[in-house]
């Protein structure tokens, strides 16, 4: 039970409810409106002869109403001070002019003070302590009125019900004030809890929006890195092909004009294809979506790629091996693209940085107990060509693709000479 009350009143919570931007203007207008209603109620009561027993002067009655309304102006800015002043005004008015205190509008103003303490007070433990102390004080005053005051002297002497007039008056007064003060406290606490939950929802929404923004920025960065890898692979491949063909054309320019013309046509074709692919890649930087983008290569495009490399003068063998027929047909597009780019980069490096005049490419579909895999292996038996250097971005991009697909890669010189690029990727989901 105690824990339930602790949770309801949020004891220990130090959150301070933010004030509305125009809180002062709103509360000043509300205080003036209440004061106008209180004045009307006071004059109505006087005209109905309900204040004949009030000995306080008229200006004192108006002062009591004005002072209570003034407290309401600061009920949200200084809620705990406001409830203390509201209780003090209620006590002072009740002692000196009880009929004025019992009017409807002054009662609403006192109720608003207790409500505001719980709706706006912070920290919550202090708000409950101050408001609870004022409630205890008011009930103590009511008790004093019944024991030593004049409350029971106004009770009719002749009972007409099941209870004595004195007992009925006490029960009625206690129940009325329990509803009065208890309702103000519970309603104020409920309003505070609603505001607290709303603030938490807004904070979470801001956090989610911030995280979404970070994810969008990360997605943009990942896309730019992907385009950079693709662009490097495209340029490296086609420039290497054009370089080999241009060198061969230079050597045969005088002796074999027809062969030279064929090589120049291949250079032109490679250049056009390179420009087309670069436009496709760079176009994604200017578009908000992928509509109209040229389809990316897959493992099915490895064979045409090798034909292009063979046309450039490098002898390449190509084999496809599957542990189960149709296994490679299950390859996701992203895996196929990565394998294609690995073959493209490996063969480009052979042409640019190796003395090898031949290479072998094997595409495998592997089925193990741990799952199904697609593997590509590119081998050559050449030695590093002197005077050639690269940026290393191709190998970095290759390793990034392997990591993105939770795969494994073996990239480096072979023990018996030559170079090996072997990449194995699972035929499943990539890392998020």
Protein backbone atom coordinates (compact mmCIF):
# COMPACT_ATOMS: atom_id res chain seq x y z
CA UNK A 1 0.00 0.00 0.00
CA UNK A 2 2.80 2.39 0.91
CA UNK A 3 4.55 1.75 -2.40
CA UNK A 4 1.32 2.45 -4.24
CA UNK A 5 1.01 5.86 -2.60
CA UNK A 6 4.67 6.56 -3.25
CA UNK A 7 4.14 5.81 -6.94
CA UNK A 8 0.94 7.83 -7.15
CA UNK A 9 2.45 10.94 -5.59
CA UNK A 10 5.81 10.34 -7.36
CA UNK A 11 7.70 10.96 -4.13
CA UNK A 12 11.34 11.74 -4.82
CA UNK A 13 10.66 13.05 -8.33
CA UNK A 14 12.40 16.39 -8.87
CA UNK A 15 10.89 17.19 -12.28
CA UNK A 16 9.61 20.74 -12.46
CA UNK A 17 6.59 21.29 -14.64
CA UNK A 18 7.41 23.92 -17.28
CA UNK A 19 5.33 27.09 -17.25
CA UNK A 20 3.35 28.09 -20.35
CA UNK A 21 4.82 30.98 -22.29
CA UNK A 22 1.95 33.34 -21.36
CA UNK A 23 1.36 32.00 -17.85
CA UNK A 24 1.45 35.43 -16.15
CA UNK A 25 -1.06 37.00 -18.51
CA UNK A 26 -3.36 33.99 -18.18
CA UNK A 27 -3.26 33.97 -14.38
CA UNK A 28 -3.72 37.75 -14.09
CA UNK A 29 -6.83 37.54 -16.30
CA UNK A 30 -8.10 34.56 -14.27
CA UNK A 31 -7.57 36.43 -10.99
CA UNK A 32 -9.40 39.51 -12.29
CA UNK A 33 -12.28 37.32 -13.51
CA UNK A 34 -12.56 35.58 -10.13
CA UNK A 35 -12.38 38.89 -8.33
CA UNK A 36 -15.20 40.31 -10.44
CA UNK A 37 -17.34 37.23 -9.71
CA UNK A 38 -16.48 37.46 -6.01
CA UNK A 39 -17.57 41.09 -5.90
CA UNK A 40 -20.87 40.22 -7.57
CA UNK A 41 -21.36 37.35 -5.11
CA UNK A 42 -20.53 39.58 -2.15
CA UNK A 43 -23.00 42.27 -3.18
CA UNK A 44 -25.63 39.64 -3.91
CA UNK A 45 -25.18 38.13 -0.45
CA UNK A 46 -25.37 41.58 1.15
CA UNK A 47 -28.56 42.37 -0.75
CA UNK A 48 -30.04 39.06 0.45
CA UNK A 49 -29.19 40.02 4.06
CA UNK A 50 -26.83 37.04 4.43
CA UNK A 51 -24.05 39.17 5.91
CA UNK A 52 -25.97 40.93 8.67
CA UNK A 53 -23.92 39.17 11.35
CA UNK A 54 -20.60 40.13 9.75
CA UNK A 55 -19.02 42.87 11.84
CA UNK A 56 -16.09 43.57 9.49
CA UNK A 57 -16.35 46.78 7.46
CA UNK A 58 -17.19 46.57 3.78
CA UNK A 59 -13.69 47.60 2.74
CA UNK A 60 -12.34 44.74 4.86
CA UNK A 61 -14.57 42.29 3.04
CA UNK A 62 -13.34 43.54 -0.32
CA UNK A 63 -9.74 43.40 0.94
CA UNK A 64 -10.19 39.75 1.88
CA UNK A 65 -11.46 38.92 -1.61
CA UNK A 66 -8.73 40.94 -3.35
CA UNK A 67 -5.92 39.39 -1.29
CA UNK A 68 -7.13 35.85 -2.09
CA UNK A 69 -7.40 36.66 -5.80
CA UNK A 70 -3.90 38.18 -5.73
CA UNK A 71 -2.49 34.90 -4.42
CA UNK A 72 -3.93 33.08 -7.44
CA UNK A 73 -1.76 35.13 -9.81
CA UNK A 74 1.33 33.28 -8.54
CA UNK A 75 -0.25 29.85 -8.11
CA UNK A 76 1.86 28.32 -10.92
CA UNK A 77 5.06 30.29 -10.50
CA UNK A 78 5.24 29.84 -6.69
CA UNK A 79 2.70 27.07 -6.01
CA UNK A 80 3.85 26.11 -2.50
CA UNK A 81 3.98 29.72 -1.33
CA UNK A 82 0.56 30.28 -2.89
CA UNK A 83 -1.05 27.39 -0.99
CA UNK A 84 0.33 28.67 2.32
CA UNK A 85 -1.00 32.18 1.61
CA UNK A 86 -4.35 30.77 0.43
CA UNK A 87 -4.70 28.76 3.66
CA UNK A 88 -3.72 31.83 5.70
CA UNK A 89 -6.31 33.97 3.85
CA UNK A 90 -8.96 31.30 4.39
CA UNK A 91 -8.15 31.12 8.11
CA UNK A 92 -8.04 34.89 8.59
CA UNK A 93 -11.29 35.45 6.69
CA UNK A 94 -12.99 32.55 8.49
CA UNK A 95 -12.06 33.91 11.90
CA UNK A 96 -13.06 37.53 11.23
CA UNK A 97 -15.89 37.13 8.72
CA UNK A 98 -16.99 33.47 8.37
CA UNK A 99 -19.97 34.27 6.15
CA UNK A 100 -17.70 35.96 3.59
CA UNK A 101 -15.38 32.94 3.62
CA UNK A 102 -18.30 30.57 3.02
CA UNK A 103 -19.36 32.31 -0.20
CA UNK A 104 -18.97 30.23 -3.38
CA UNK A 105 -16.27 32.19 -5.25
CA UNK A 106 -13.89 32.54 -2.25
CA UNK A 107 -14.23 28.79 -1.73
CA UNK A 108 -13.24 28.21 -5.38
CA UNK A 109 -10.17 30.44 -4.92
CA UNK A 110 -9.05 28.50 -1.83
CA UNK A 111 -9.63 25.24 -3.69
CA UNK A 112 -7.55 26.51 -6.62
CA UNK A 113 -4.64 27.26 -4.28
CA UNK A 114 -4.57 23.68 -2.92
CA UNK A 115 -5.01 22.24 -6.42
CA UNK A 116 -2.14 24.33 -7.85
CA UNK A 117 0.24 23.22 -5.11
CA UNK A 118 -0.12 19.61 -6.20
CA UNK A 119 -0.37 20.37 -9.92
CA UNK A 120 2.76 22.58 -10.11
CA UNK A 121 4.78 22.04 -6.91
CA UNK A 122 8.32 20.62 -7.05
CA UNK A 123 10.00 18.55 -5.84
CA UNK A 124 7.10 16.20 -5.25
CA UNK A 125 8.00 15.22 -1.71
CA UNK A 126 8.09 18.85 -0.61
CA UNK A 127 4.86 19.63 -2.46
CA UNK A 128 3.06 16.82 -0.63
CA UNK A 129 4.57 17.86 2.71
CA UNK A 130 3.55 21.52 2.38
CA UNK A 131 0.09 20.77 1.02
CA UNK A 132 -0.47 18.04 3.62
CA UNK A 133 0.58 20.43 6.41
CA UNK A 134 -1.95 23.01 5.19
CA UNK A 135 -4.71 20.37 5.06
CA UNK A 136 -3.88 19.23 8.60
CA UNK A 137 -3.88 22.87 9.70
CA UNK A 138 -7.34 23.46 8.19
CA UNK A 139 -8.77 20.32 9.81
CA UNK A 140 -7.20 21.37 13.09
CA UNK A 141 -8.94 24.71 12.77
CA UNK A 142 -12.27 22.98 12.03
CA UNK A 143 -11.79 20.80 15.12
CA UNK A 144 -11.02 23.85 17.22
CA UNK A 145 -14.18 25.51 15.93
CA UNK A 146 -16.30 22.59 17.08
CA UNK A 147 -14.65 22.22 20.47
CA UNK A 148 -13.94 25.78 21.52
CA UNK A 149 -15.56 27.92 18.83
CA UNK A 150 -19.09 28.86 17.93
CA UNK A 151 -19.78 26.27 15.21
CA UNK A 152 -22.15 24.19 17.33
CA UNK A 153 -23.96 27.21 18.79
CA UNK A 154 -25.67 27.80 15.46
CA UNK A 155 -27.09 24.26 15.33
CA UNK A 156 -30.92 24.10 15.71
CA UNK A 157 -31.80 22.80 19.18
CA UNK A 158 -34.52 20.37 18.08
CA UNK A 159 -33.48 17.24 16.20
CA UNK A 160 -35.60 16.11 13.28
CA UNK A 161 -33.54 13.12 12.05
CA UNK A 162 -31.91 9.93 13.30
CA UNK A 163 -28.85 11.75 14.69
CA UNK A 164 -28.45 14.61 17.08
CA UNK A 165 -27.98 17.99 15.40
CA UNK A 166 -24.47 18.31 16.83
CA UNK A 167 -23.31 14.89 15.52
CA UNK A 168 -24.91 15.47 12.13
CA UNK A 169 -23.24 18.87 11.83
CA UNK A 170 -19.82 17.41 12.68
CA UNK A 171 -20.17 14.49 10.22
CA UNK A 172 -21.43 16.76 7.47
CA UNK A 173 -18.64 19.29 7.96
CA UNK A 174 -15.91 16.62 8.04
CA UNK A 175 -17.19 14.86 4.92
CA UNK A 176 -17.56 18.14 3.06
CA UNK A 177 -14.00 19.19 3.84
CA UNK A 178 -12.60 15.75 3.01
CA UNK A 179 -14.16 16.04 -0.44
CA UNK A 180 -13.07 19.70 -0.66
CA UNK A 181 -9.40 19.27 0.24
CA UNK A 182 -9.00 15.66 -0.89
CA UNK A 183 -10.48 16.40 -4.28
CA UNK A 184 -8.14 19.37 -4.74
CA UNK A 185 -5.07 17.31 -3.80
CA UNK A 186 -5.94 14.24 -5.91
CA UNK A 187 -7.04 16.30 -8.91
CA UNK A 188 -3.87 18.39 -8.74
CA UNK A 189 -1.69 15.29 -8.50
CA UNK A 190 -3.48 13.74 -11.48
CA UNK A 191 -2.88 16.90 -13.50
CA UNK A 192 0.81 16.79 -12.57
CA UNK A 193 1.09 13.13 -13.56
CA UNK A 194 -0.55 13.82 -16.93
CA UNK A 195 1.86 16.69 -17.57
CA UNK A 196 4.79 14.49 -16.51
CA UNK A 197 3.76 11.72 -18.88
CA UNK A 198 3.26 14.19 -21.71
CA UNK A 199 6.71 15.65 -21.11
CA UNK A 200 8.18 12.14 -21.12
CA UNK A 201 6.42 11.34 -24.38
CA UNK A 202 7.78 14.55 -25.92
CA UNK A 203 11.28 13.77 -24.62
CA UNK A 204 11.12 10.29 -26.09
CA UNK A 205 9.84 11.73 -29.36
CA UNK A 206 12.80 14.12 -29.44
CA UNK A 207 15.16 11.25 -28.68
CA UNK A 208 13.63 9.14 -31.44
CA UNK A 209 13.82 12.06 -33.85
CA UNK A 210 17.47 12.60 -32.93
CA UNK A 211 18.21 8.91 -33.42
CA UNK A 212 16.31 8.93 -36.71
CA UNK A 213 18.38 11.89 -37.86
CA UNK A 214 21.56 10.04 -36.90
CA UNK A 215 20.37 6.97 -38.77
CA UNK A 216 19.55 9.05 -41.82
CA UNK A 217 22.97 10.65 -41.73
CA UNK A 218 24.58 7.25 -41.28
CA UNK A 219 22.56 5.89 -44.18
CA UNK A 220 23.74 8.76 -46.36
CA UNK A 221 27.33 8.13 -45.30
CA UNK A 222 27.01 4.40 -45.97
CA UNK A 223 25.53 5.12 -49.39
CA UNK A 224 28.35 7.50 -50.23
CA UNK A 225 30.91 4.91 -49.15
CA UNK A 226 29.13 2.31 -51.26
CA UNK A 227 29.17 4.63 -54.26
CA UNK A 228 32.85 5.38 -53.64
CA UNK A 229 33.64 1.65 -53.67
CA UNK A 230 31.56 1.08 -56.78
CA UNK A 231 33.13 4.06 -58.52
CA UNK A 232 36.62 2.89 -57.69
CA UNK A 233 35.91 -0.59 -58.97
CA UNK A 234 34.34 0.70 -62.20
CA UNK A 235 37.12 3.19 -62.93
CA UNK A 236 39.90 0.81 -61.99
CA UNK A 237 38.53 -1.97 -64.16
CA UNK A 238 37.82 0.05 -67.28
CA UNK A 239 40.96 2.18 -67.08
CA UNK A 240 43.06 -0.96 -66.66
CA UNK A 241 41.39 -2.53 -69.71
CA UNK A 242 41.86 0.62 -71.76
CA UNK A 243 45.50 0.86 -70.66
CA UNK A 244 46.27 -2.71 -71.75
CA UNK A 245 44.44 -2.27 -75.06
CA UNK A 246 46.09 1.10 -75.72
CA UNK A 247 49.52 -0.46 -75.11
CA UNK A 248 48.76 -3.33 -77.47
CA UNK A 249 47.41 -0.91 -80.09
CA UNK A 250 50.60 1.17 -79.92
CA UNK A 251 52.73 -1.90 -80.59
CA UNK A 252 50.64 -3.05 -83.57
CA UNK A 253 49.88 0.38 -85.01
CA UNK A 254 52.34 0.11 -87.90
CA UNK A 255 52.35 -3.65 -88.51
CA UNK A 256 48.66 -4.61 -88.06
CA UNK A 257 46.34 -1.63 -88.68
CA UNK A 258 43.24 -3.85 -88.73
CA UNK A 259 44.02 -5.34 -85.30
CA UNK A 260 44.82 -1.88 -84.01
CA UNK A 261 41.43 -0.61 -85.17
CA UNK A 262 39.74 -3.46 -83.30
CA UNK A 263 41.62 -2.59 -80.14
CA UNK A 264 40.67 1.05 -80.47
CA UNK A 265 37.04 0.03 -80.83
CA UNK A 266 37.36 -1.97 -77.62
CA UNK A 267 38.91 1.05 -75.90
CA UNK A 268 36.00 3.18 -77.10
CA UNK A 269 33.50 0.58 -75.87
CA UNK A 270 35.20 0.37 -72.47
CA UNK A 271 35.22 4.15 -72.19
CA UNK A 272 31.52 4.39 -73.03
CA UNK A 273 30.65 1.66 -70.54
CA UNK A 274 32.74 3.34 -67.85
CA UNK A 275 31.02 6.68 -68.44
CA UNK A 276 27.60 5.02 -68.38
CA UNK A 277 28.29 3.25 -65.09
CA UNK A 278 29.76 6.38 -63.53
CA UNK A 279 26.71 8.40 -64.56
CA UNK A 280 24.47 5.77 -63.02
CA UNK A 281 26.41 5.82 -59.75
CA UNK A 282 26.77 9.58 -59.51
CA UNK A 283 23.14 10.03 -60.44
CA UNK A 284 22.15 8.43 -57.15
CA UNK A 285 23.72 11.40 -55.38
CA UNK A 286 21.26 13.73 -57.08
CA UNK A 287 18.12 11.58 -56.81
CA UNK A 288 15.99 11.14 -53.72
CA UNK A 289 15.12 7.59 -54.71
CA UNK A 290 16.49 4.75 -56.78
CA UNK A 291 13.96 5.08 -59.64
CA UNK A 292 15.56 4.75 -63.04
CA UNK A 293 18.88 3.50 -61.74
CA UNK A 294 20.78 1.01 -63.90
CA UNK A 295 20.62 -2.49 -62.35
CA UNK A 296 23.77 -3.39 -60.46
CA UNK A 297 25.88 -6.33 -61.63
CA UNK A 298 25.38 -9.77 -60.09
CA UNK A 299 27.23 -13.08 -60.25
CA UNK A 300 25.59 -13.71 -63.63
CA UNK A 301 27.64 -10.82 -65.02
CA UNK A 302 30.98 -12.39 -64.08
CA UNK A 303 31.14 -14.34 -67.35
CA UNK A 304 30.71 -11.23 -69.58
CA UNK A 305 33.25 -9.45 -67.39
CA UNK A 306 35.79 -12.21 -68.01
CA UNK A 307 35.08 -12.09 -71.74
CA UNK A 308 35.91 -8.40 -71.67
CA UNK A 309 39.15 -9.08 -69.80
CA UNK A 310 40.10 -11.80 -72.30
CA UNK A 311 39.56 -9.32 -75.10
CA UNK A 312 42.12 -7.10 -73.41
CA UNK A 313 44.80 -9.77 -73.72
CA UNK A 314 44.71 -11.59 -70.37
CA UNK A 315 43.99 -15.31 -70.60
CA UNK A 316 41.36 -16.16 -67.99
CA UNK A 317 39.68 -19.48 -67.26
CA UNK A 318 36.28 -19.48 -65.59
CA UNK A 319 34.53 -22.37 -63.82
CA UNK A 320 31.33 -22.65 -61.82
CA UNK A 321 31.07 -25.43 -59.21
CA UNK A 322 27.98 -26.19 -57.08
CA UNK A 323 27.56 -28.72 -54.27
CA UNK A 324 23.87 -28.79 -55.16
CA UNK A 325 22.35 -27.84 -58.51
CA UNK A 326 20.70 -24.44 -58.39
CA UNK A 327 22.45 -23.43 -55.17
CA UNK A 328 23.88 -20.25 -56.67
CA UNK A 329 20.43 -19.28 -57.93
CA UNK A 330 19.57 -18.58 -54.26
CA UNK A 331 22.23 -15.87 -54.10
CA UNK A 332 20.90 -12.47 -52.89
CA UNK A 333 21.66 -9.51 -55.18
CA UNK A 334 23.99 -7.91 -52.62
CA UNK A 335 26.11 -11.04 -52.38
CA UNK A 336 26.24 -11.32 -56.15
CA UNK A 337 27.34 -7.71 -56.49
CA UNK A 338 30.12 -8.19 -53.94
CA UNK A 339 31.43 -11.27 -55.70
CA UNK A 340 31.30 -9.49 -59.07
CA UNK A 341 33.24 -6.51 -57.70
CA UNK A 342 35.80 -8.83 -56.09
CA UNK A 343 36.48 -10.52 -59.46
CA UNK A 344 36.58 -7.15 -61.22
CA UNK A 345 39.08 -5.68 -58.74
CA UNK A 346 41.23 -8.82 -58.64
CA UNK A 347 41.55 -9.03 -62.44
CA UNK A 348 42.24 -5.29 -62.67
CA UNK A 349 45.07 -5.71 -60.19
CA UNK A 350 46.47 -8.62 -62.21
CA UNK A 351 46.62 -6.46 -65.31
CA UNK A 352 48.09 -3.43 -63.56
CA UNK A 353 50.39 -4.84 -60.90
CA UNK A 354 51.36 -8.38 -61.96
CA UNK A 355 53.57 -9.95 -64.62
CA UNK A 356 51.04 -12.78 -65.03
CA UNK A 357 49.60 -13.32 -68.49
CA UNK A 358 46.88 -15.70 -67.27
CA UNK A 359 44.51 -16.10 -64.33
CA UNK A 360 41.78 -18.44 -63.18
CA UNK A 361 38.39 -17.63 -61.68
CA UNK A 362 36.23 -20.18 -59.88
CA UNK A 363 32.73 -19.48 -58.59
CA UNK A 364 31.55 -22.04 -56.05
CA UNK A 365 28.24 -22.81 -54.37
CA UNK A 366 29.04 -24.53 -51.08
CA UNK A 367 26.67 -26.36 -48.77
CA UNK A 368 27.87 -27.20 -45.25
CA UNK A 369 26.24 -28.08 -41.96
CA UNK A 370 26.69 -24.46 -40.89
CA UNK A 371 24.80 -23.14 -43.94
CA UNK A 372 25.13 -22.34 -47.62
CA UNK A 373 27.86 -20.11 -49.04
CA UNK A 374 28.92 -18.51 -52.29
CA UNK A 375 32.65 -18.34 -52.89
CA UNK A 376 34.79 -16.84 -55.59
CA UNK A 377 38.52 -17.43 -56.02
CA UNK A 378 40.86 -15.57 -58.38
CA UNK A 379 44.40 -16.93 -58.82
CA UNK A 380 47.41 -15.87 -60.87
CA UNK A 381 51.04 -17.03 -60.97
CA UNK A 382 52.75 -13.74 -61.71
CA UNK A 383 55.18 -11.61 -59.75
CA UNK A 384 54.64 -8.00 -58.63
CA UNK A 385 55.42 -5.64 -61.49
CA UNK A 386 58.08 -3.10 -60.64
CA UNK A 387 57.14 0.58 -60.70
CA UNK A 388 53.40 0.11 -60.19
CA UNK A 389 51.61 1.24 -57.08
CA UNK A 390 47.96 1.54 -56.14
CA UNK A 391 45.88 3.48 -53.64
CA UNK A 392 44.85 0.34 -51.79
CA UNK A 393 41.20 1.42 -51.90
CA UNK A 394 40.22 -1.58 -53.95
CA UNK A 395 41.41 -4.06 -51.34
CA UNK A 396 39.87 -1.95 -48.57
CA UNK A 397 36.54 -1.95 -50.39
CA UNK A 398 36.80 -5.70 -50.90
CA UNK A 399 37.33 -6.29 -47.18
CA UNK A 400 34.47 -3.93 -46.32
CA UNK A 401 32.14 -5.96 -48.53
CA UNK A 402 33.25 -9.16 -46.82
CA UNK A 403 32.61 -7.63 -43.39
CA UNK A 404 29.22 -6.24 -44.43
CA UNK A 405 28.06 -9.75 -45.35
CA UNK A 406 29.59 -11.55 -42.35
CA UNK A 407 31.89 -13.38 -44.72
CA UNK A 408 35.53 -14.41 -44.74
CA UNK A 409 38.27 -13.41 -47.13
CA UNK A 410 41.78 -14.47 -48.02
CA UNK A 411 43.60 -11.75 -49.93
CA UNK A 412 47.34 -11.81 -50.42
CA UNK A 413 50.41 -13.46 -52.06
CA UNK A 414 50.50 -17.23 -52.51
CA UNK A 415 53.25 -19.30 -50.93
CA UNK A 416 54.40 -20.70 -54.28
CA UNK A 417 54.14 -17.39 -56.10
CA UNK A 418 51.33 -15.39 -57.52
CA UNK A 419 48.35 -13.83 -55.78
CA UNK A 420 45.08 -15.17 -54.38
CA UNK A 421 41.77 -13.45 -53.79
CA UNK A 422 39.23 -15.80 -52.22
CA UNK A 423 35.99 -14.51 -50.71
CA UNK A 424 33.27 -16.61 -49.11
CA UNK A 425 29.91 -15.03 -48.27
CA UNK A 426 26.90 -16.67 -46.60
CA UNK A 427 23.72 -16.89 -48.65
CA UNK A 428 21.79 -15.08 -45.94
CA UNK A 429 21.11 -11.66 -44.32
CA UNK A 430 23.85 -9.10 -44.03
CA UNK A 431 24.70 -7.13 -40.94
CA UNK A 432 22.46 -4.19 -40.18
